[in-house]
Each structure stands twice: as C-alpha cells, then as structure tokens.
Amino acid sequence: MTERGKLEPSDPVHPLVAKEDRLSSKWFYEFCAKYSVDYPDEATPEQQDEYISGMDAIRSRIREEYAAEKALKGE
C-alpha cells in the first residue's frame, strides 16, 4: 500500500500511444474551434462525419507506423 497522495509507478507508455493521444487531442481542439462547438456531437451530422474521418485517419496512421516498427524489429 502506498502513502496517501503518492502514485504507484506505472508501466511505460509506448511512444505511438502517446503520439496518437497528442494527435487526437490536437484534432479535437482544432475541430471544435473550426466549428465553434464545445464537443463534436454538438456539430452538424456532416461536420461530425468530418471529425470521425479525421480520427480514423489518425488511427490509421498510427497503425501503419506500428506495423512499420514491428517490421523493422522482425516481428
């Protein structure tokens, strides 16, 4: 048991997970600013489709980078 207020060390986060989080967060804020909404679900259905497409593109990019990383390692 840890002292109150102290955090347990956690497993390291893979750099691509951190990159996906950073890119997703950036896209979220850019999208919301572009359409003057607080959350994507407040946008029109067409705008929401744009948001989803952007998120899909980010995930696809990360998957490609992960596959390339595994290929370099021979996995």
N, C-alpha and C. Protein backbone atom coordinates (compact mmCIF):
# COMPACT_ATOMS: atom_id res chain seq x y z
N MET A 1 0.85 -1.17 0.00
CA MET A 1 0.00 0.00 0.00
C MET A 1 0.90 1.24 0.00
N THR A 2 0.49 2.24 -0.74
CA THR A 2 1.29 3.47 -0.81
C THR A 2 0.73 4.50 0.15
N GLU A 3 1.58 5.47 0.42
CA GLU A 3 1.14 6.58 1.26
C GLU A 3 0.05 7.35 0.54
N ARG A 4 -0.80 7.94 1.33
CA ARG A 4 -1.88 8.75 0.74
C ARG A 4 -1.29 9.87 -0.10
N GLY A 5 -1.80 10.04 -1.31
CA GLY A 5 -1.34 11.08 -2.20
C GLY A 5 -0.16 10.69 -3.06
N LYS A 6 0.41 9.51 -2.83
CA LYS A 6 1.54 9.05 -3.65
C LYS A 6 1.02 8.14 -4.75
N LEU A 7 1.60 8.25 -5.90
CA LEU A 7 1.20 7.42 -7.02
C LEU A 7 2.12 6.24 -7.17
N GLU A 8 1.54 5.12 -7.57
CA GLU A 8 2.33 3.94 -7.88
C GLU A 8 2.99 4.16 -9.24
N PRO A 9 4.20 3.66 -9.43
CA PRO A 9 4.80 3.75 -10.76
C PRO A 9 3.98 2.89 -11.72
N SER A 10 3.83 3.36 -12.92
CA SER A 10 3.07 2.60 -13.91
C SER A 10 3.99 2.11 -15.01
N ASP A 11 3.44 1.23 -15.82
CA ASP A 11 4.20 0.72 -16.95
C ASP A 11 4.46 1.87 -17.93
N PRO A 12 5.58 1.83 -18.61
CA PRO A 12 5.86 2.89 -19.58
C PRO A 12 4.83 2.86 -20.72
N VAL A 13 4.53 4.01 -21.24
CA VAL A 13 3.59 4.14 -22.35
C VAL A 13 4.37 4.09 -23.66
N HIS A 14 3.88 3.29 -24.59
CA HIS A 14 4.53 3.19 -25.89
C HIS A 14 4.47 4.57 -26.56
N PRO A 15 5.55 4.98 -27.20
CA PRO A 15 5.58 6.31 -27.83
C PRO A 15 4.47 6.53 -28.86
N LEU A 16 4.05 5.47 -29.54
CA LEU A 16 2.97 5.65 -30.52
C LEU A 16 1.62 5.88 -29.84
N VAL A 17 1.43 5.34 -28.65
CA VAL A 17 0.20 5.61 -27.89
C VAL A 17 0.18 7.08 -27.50
N ALA A 18 1.31 7.58 -27.03
CA ALA A 18 1.39 8.99 -26.66
C ALA A 18 1.19 9.88 -27.89
N LYS A 19 1.74 9.47 -29.03
CA LYS A 19 1.58 10.24 -30.26
C LYS A 19 0.12 10.26 -30.70
N GLU A 20 -0.56 9.11 -30.64
CA GLU A 20 -1.97 9.06 -31.01
C GLU A 20 -2.80 9.96 -30.09
N ASP A 21 -2.52 9.92 -28.81
CA ASP A 21 -3.23 10.79 -27.87
C ASP A 21 -3.02 12.26 -28.19
N ARG A 22 -1.78 12.61 -28.49
CA ARG A 22 -1.45 14.01 -28.79
C ARG A 22 -2.14 14.46 -30.09
N LEU A 23 -2.08 13.63 -31.14
CA LEU A 23 -2.70 13.99 -32.41
C LEU A 23 -4.23 14.04 -32.29
N SER A 24 -4.81 13.10 -31.54
CA SER A 24 -6.26 13.09 -31.35
C SER A 24 -6.72 14.33 -30.60
N SER A 25 -5.98 14.68 -29.58
CA SER A 25 -6.32 15.87 -28.80
C SER A 25 -6.22 17.12 -29.65
N LYS A 26 -5.18 17.22 -30.44
CA LYS A 26 -4.99 18.37 -31.32
C LYS A 26 -6.15 18.46 -32.32
N TRP A 27 -6.52 17.33 -32.93
CA TRP A 27 -7.62 17.31 -33.89
C TRP A 27 -8.93 17.72 -33.22
N PHE A 28 -9.17 17.23 -32.01
CA PHE A 28 -10.37 17.57 -31.26
C PHE A 28 -10.48 19.09 -31.08
N TYR A 29 -9.40 19.71 -30.62
CA TYR A 29 -9.44 21.15 -30.37
C TYR A 29 -9.53 21.95 -31.65
N GLU A 30 -8.83 21.52 -32.70
CA GLU A 30 -8.92 22.22 -33.98
C GLU A 30 -10.34 22.13 -34.54
N PHE A 31 -10.93 20.94 -34.46
CA PHE A 31 -12.29 20.75 -34.96
C PHE A 31 -13.27 21.63 -34.21
N CYS A 32 -13.21 21.59 -32.89
CA CYS A 32 -14.14 22.38 -32.07
C CYS A 32 -13.98 23.88 -32.33
N ALA A 33 -12.75 24.33 -32.51
CA ALA A 33 -12.52 25.74 -32.80
C ALA A 33 -13.06 26.10 -34.18
N LYS A 34 -12.83 25.23 -35.15
CA LYS A 34 -13.28 25.48 -36.52
C LYS A 34 -14.79 25.67 -36.59
N TYR A 35 -15.53 24.84 -35.84
CA TYR A 35 -17.00 24.89 -35.91
C TYR A 35 -17.63 25.56 -34.69
N SER A 36 -16.84 26.15 -33.85
CA SER A 36 -17.33 26.87 -32.67
C SER A 36 -18.28 26.02 -31.82
N VAL A 37 -17.82 24.81 -31.51
CA VAL A 37 -18.57 23.90 -30.65
C VAL A 37 -17.67 23.48 -29.49
N ASP A 38 -18.30 23.02 -28.41
CA ASP A 38 -17.51 22.52 -27.28
C ASP A 38 -17.16 21.05 -27.45
N TYR A 39 -18.01 20.30 -28.12
CA TYR A 39 -17.80 18.87 -28.35
C TYR A 39 -18.26 18.53 -29.76
N PRO A 40 -17.63 17.54 -30.40
CA PRO A 40 -18.02 17.18 -31.76
C PRO A 40 -19.48 16.79 -31.91
N ASP A 41 -20.10 16.24 -30.87
CA ASP A 41 -21.50 15.84 -31.01
C ASP A 41 -22.45 17.04 -31.05
N GLU A 42 -21.93 18.23 -30.86
CA GLU A 42 -22.74 19.45 -30.99
C GLU A 42 -22.72 19.99 -32.42
N ALA A 43 -21.89 19.41 -33.27
CA ALA A 43 -21.78 19.85 -34.66
C ALA A 43 -22.88 19.20 -35.50
N THR A 44 -22.98 19.65 -36.74
CA THR A 44 -23.96 19.05 -37.65
C THR A 44 -23.52 17.63 -37.99
N PRO A 45 -24.43 16.80 -38.49
CA PRO A 45 -24.04 15.43 -38.86
C PRO A 45 -22.90 15.39 -39.88
N GLU A 46 -22.92 16.32 -40.83
CA GLU A 46 -21.84 16.35 -41.83
C GLU A 46 -20.50 16.70 -41.17
N GLN A 47 -20.54 17.64 -40.24
CA GLN A 47 -19.32 18.02 -39.53
C GLN A 47 -18.85 16.87 -38.65
N GLN A 48 -19.77 16.16 -38.04
CA GLN A 48 -19.40 15.00 -37.23
C GLN A 48 -18.72 13.93 -38.08
N ASP A 49 -19.21 13.76 -39.31
CA ASP A 49 -18.56 12.82 -40.24
C ASP A 49 -17.12 13.24 -40.51
N GLU A 50 -16.90 14.55 -40.65
CA GLU A 50 -15.54 15.06 -40.85
C GLU A 50 -14.67 14.75 -39.64
N TYR A 51 -15.23 14.92 -38.44
CA TYR A 51 -14.49 14.62 -37.22
C TYR A 51 -14.10 13.15 -37.16
N ILE A 52 -15.06 12.30 -37.45
CA ILE A 52 -14.82 10.85 -37.41
C ILE A 52 -13.77 10.47 -38.45
N SER A 53 -13.85 11.05 -39.63
CA SER A 53 -12.86 10.77 -40.67
C SER A 53 -11.45 11.19 -40.23
N GLY A 54 -11.37 12.32 -39.58
CA GLY A 54 -10.08 12.78 -39.07
C GLY A 54 -9.52 11.84 -38.01
N MET A 55 -10.38 11.38 -37.12
CA MET A 55 -9.94 10.43 -36.08
C MET A 55 -9.52 9.10 -36.71
N ASP A 56 -10.28 8.65 -37.70
CA ASP A 56 -9.93 7.41 -38.41
C ASP A 56 -8.57 7.53 -39.10
N ALA A 57 -8.30 8.69 -39.68
CA ALA A 57 -7.02 8.92 -40.35
C ALA A 57 -5.87 8.88 -39.35
N ILE A 58 -6.09 9.45 -38.18
CA ILE A 58 -5.05 9.42 -37.14
C ILE A 58 -4.78 7.99 -36.72
N ARG A 59 -5.83 7.23 -36.45
CA ARG A 59 -5.66 5.83 -36.04
C ARG A 59 -4.99 5.00 -37.12
N SER A 60 -5.35 5.24 -38.36
CA SER A 60 -4.75 4.52 -39.47
C SER A 60 -3.25 4.83 -39.57
N ARG A 61 -2.91 6.07 -39.41
CA ARG A 61 -1.51 6.49 -39.45
C ARG A 61 -0.70 5.80 -38.34
N ILE A 62 -1.27 5.75 -37.14
CA ILE A 62 -0.58 5.12 -36.02
C ILE A 62 -0.43 3.62 -36.27
N ARG A 63 -1.48 2.97 -36.80
CA ARG A 63 -1.39 1.54 -37.11
C ARG A 63 -0.28 1.28 -38.13
N GLU A 64 -0.18 2.14 -39.15
CA GLU A 64 0.87 1.98 -40.16
C GLU A 64 2.25 2.15 -39.54
N GLU A 65 2.40 3.13 -38.67
CA GLU A 65 3.69 3.35 -38.02
C GLU A 65 4.04 2.16 -37.11
N TYR A 66 3.04 1.61 -36.43
CA TYR A 66 3.28 0.46 -35.55
C TYR A 66 3.68 -0.77 -36.38
N ALA A 67 2.99 -0.98 -37.51
CA ALA A 67 3.34 -2.10 -38.37
C ALA A 67 4.76 -1.95 -38.92
N ALA A 68 5.14 -0.74 -39.29
CA ALA A 68 6.49 -0.49 -39.79
C ALA A 68 7.52 -0.74 -38.69
N GLU A 69 7.18 -0.33 -37.47
CA GLU A 69 8.09 -0.55 -36.34
C GLU A 69 8.29 -2.04 -36.09
N LYS A 70 7.19 -2.81 -36.15
CA LYS A 70 7.29 -4.25 -35.93
C LYS A 70 8.09 -4.91 -37.06
N ALA A 71 7.91 -4.42 -38.29
CA ALA A 71 8.64 -4.98 -39.42
C ALA A 71 10.14 -4.76 -39.27
N LEU A 72 10.51 -3.58 -38.76
CA LEU A 72 11.94 -3.29 -38.55
C LEU A 72 12.53 -4.21 -37.49
N LYS A 73 11.72 -4.57 -36.50
CA LYS A 73 12.18 -5.45 -35.43
C LYS A 73 12.13 -6.92 -35.84
N GLY A 74 11.50 -7.20 -36.99
CA GLY A 74 11.40 -8.57 -37.48
C GLY A 74 10.32 -9.39 -36.78
N GLU A 75 9.33 -8.71 -36.27
CA GLU A 75 8.26 -9.42 -35.57
C GLU A 75 7.16 -9.83 -36.52
